[in-house]
Amino acid sequence: MAHIQYVDELIREYLLYRGFSGTLKAFDSELKVDKDKSFRVDKIVEQLLQFIYTYDLGSLKELWAHLDQRMFSKLEHTFTPSVRKLENAVLKFYLVNAVISGKLDKVTEFFAKYTPELIGQAEWKEWFMLPWVKNPEENPVFQVHFTRQWQDNLLVSLHNLLAAIFQCMPQPVLVSFEEDAQKMKRLQEENEALRLRVVTLLENARNNVTSVSDVTAPEVPQPAELMDDFYVIALETSSVAGESQAKTLKSLIRNIGSGLPTSPMLGRKVLCQSTSGAPGKVKMGGSGRTEEQQQLKKHSSVKQQQRAVWTAAGKTSSAEGVASKRQSSTEQPVTRPTRDPSVETPDRRVKYQQQPITCQAGSALSNTGAFLLLSQEEYVEHRAPVCHCRFNSSGSTVVSADVDGIVKLWTVTPTPKTLATFASKSAVMSLDWVTKNERYFIGGNKQGLVRLYDTRDNRIVWELGADTVSPLKDARIMTICCSPVEPTFICSVAPPVQASGKLLLFDIKTKKLEMSLTLDCAQSATVATCCTFNHNGQLLVTGCNDGVVRIFDLRRSECIDSWTAHQGETLAIQLTADFTACYTLGSDGKLCQRSLNQSGQALWEATLQNCPPLCNLGVPHGQLFAFDPPGTHVLTCGHNGGTIYQICGSGLSRMLELGGHRSPTLAVDWAIANQCATCVTASSGDGKIKVSTLLTP
């Protein structure tokens, strides 16, 4: 994040230009004592080393406490023990440096101050005898910590941890302004080039130079991969012919203190994603595939086979690598989940799913890896059946609601903890986060009231529907969906009389009704039960209680396409990552994928075996299925918990049953960070919400 310094200079220049000398003086004084060092990793590590080499134990602990509060506390709660292990390694480095320099008084001072804090930790048990051990560098307990290799590994791992956190931290708009401007300029240039190409092709077509069937779609560049600069080189073993395996954040930090060779220079292996993630591609002409498409399909198939082989080899390498590392270290080894089918403790569960189960006849079994259930915790603040449960966009906060109208705002890390509680007089029918501002979310209840909630001040900002002239008066709120680009939201309402429902577009800032859409249908009681926007917010894809999916063009305020998706209600709908197809779940228990480019052409459909009965639901329901960010796996509701499926070319392949509930789940959501997935599943019976932490393949 070197550009932070550039932004600091811009701010100084602006303050000088405006003549804000007092503000500039305060700004400069704050920069001088900036513990974050403008987010420069090398400067932070250098500061830690300075405190170690000058035996400034108080400043060392103070700086680490700042990093812990500022950064480490934002990590997934499963990383907390690993971060503590890294902290202990830094303190051991302090002691080792003091011993090497002959400063035994500093060693004695350390234990005099921090013995009450460290005495309960098992890994410090043998370190209390350090002041009385002669030649500790030759003692088997301390020998590895006096090696240059261990010290270098510690510094590299600390550097990489901070670098990875800084890259994942949300940045203010001012910091990303230049990057966004360059991106916009590049997109404009690409659009202009494509426009000129289309003009040329049309002119050639008019002159009979070429036909439409000869036109090939332009290649879309792959999105740039986030460089987290956080890798570890595993020991070479004969079982994998010298190939190194990329480790997760947790496994790297766990190895700190064990004298393992680590390095940030390992190249990442790019795993091939399933080709079903981009369905519904439009053919440019002719019934057969072009040679390029056939080569792409062949290449994808080969890559999938390579990934399966790599995954199988990785499991063998991981087990042998851990054994090899334990032999080379005198540290107490870290206990890791074994391949037992189930290992349970009173509070935690660890499951290993070795073989995915085929969901539907004809679905191909997947060998691309498995999910590991690391832990499962419970949120029990609701006293009534939970009907909604949604993560914000960063996955740090959850909002949930029950049929009694109680709305809870809570966090999942380090343990489920309530942040705020809101009360409504009737059941909450729908919830959605404001897309570009995690501070706010919108909820609508059964009495036709829509409210904007502020999560920072823990208050209700405004309420719609109470006025006698409001279009929401006495209507039921069926679903709410916020626009991805504009400060607006769509609200589907069911009128109190037997009439067709409406889709109302409101402005969040002004609270004014911007647009009203009617459903083009013959039945009088048809309402939209679910909806979602496309990427630019111009199209609205809705699922209705008559089983029909309708697409509205908000620029023209009309329905431009429709098709029947289910025999019964369409209960949930989501678009694919490339916005060329949509997934729908109906009351018939079927999850379907339909093309948006070819007017609802069925790509595949699968009956969810573990899905609870969805016909004539007597209680409100939330999000019934959720995808991981790549769109290769889906979490669905179930009889006694969530179920994770892998999306195959022709359907679904069941990967893992989360379980944990005694009644069906009617609200699920999924967030991923640092190769760990956090799933929430809400019970429709006892009001409990399970928080499941998974290690992703």
Foldseek 3Di string as FASTA:
>chain_A
DVCLVVVLVVVLVVCVVVVVVVVNVVSVVCQVPPLCVSLDLVVNLVVLVVCLLVLVVVVNVVSVVCCCVVFVQLDELVQVVLVVLLVVLSVVLSVLSCVVVVVLVSVVVVCVPCVVVCVPPPQCPVVVCVSVDPPVCPPQSCVLSNDPLLVVLSSQQSSLVSLLRVLLDDDDCSSCVVVVVVVVVVVVVVVVVVVVVVVVVVVCVVVVNDDQLPDDDDDDDDDDDRCSLHFFFFDADVLVPRDGDTDFNRVSSLCRPFSDRTHSPDDDDDQQFFPVLDPQDDRRDDDDDDPVVVVVVVVSVVSQVVLLVVQVSVVVCVVVRLVVSVVSGPGDHDDDDDQDQWDDDPFFIWGWFQWFFAQDPPFDTHSNDAKIFGGKHKDQPDQAFKFEWDAAPQRAWIWTFHQCQKIFIWGPPPHTDTQEIDGDRGGWQEKDAAQPDNQWIWTAGQQQKIWIAGSVVRDTPDIPAPDPPGPSGRWGWQYKEHANPAQKIWTWTFHPDQAFIKIWIARNVVRDTDAIATDPDDGGRKTFNEWYAPPRRQKIWTWIQCQKIWIAGNVVRDTDAMDHHDNGGFHYKDARPVRQWMWTAGLVQKIWIAGPVVRGHTQEIGRGPFADRNPPDPGRHYHQKEAEVSRQKMWGKGAFAIWIWGQHRHGTITRDGPGDGPGTFRYKYWDDDRQKIWIWTTHRGRGMIMTIIMRHD
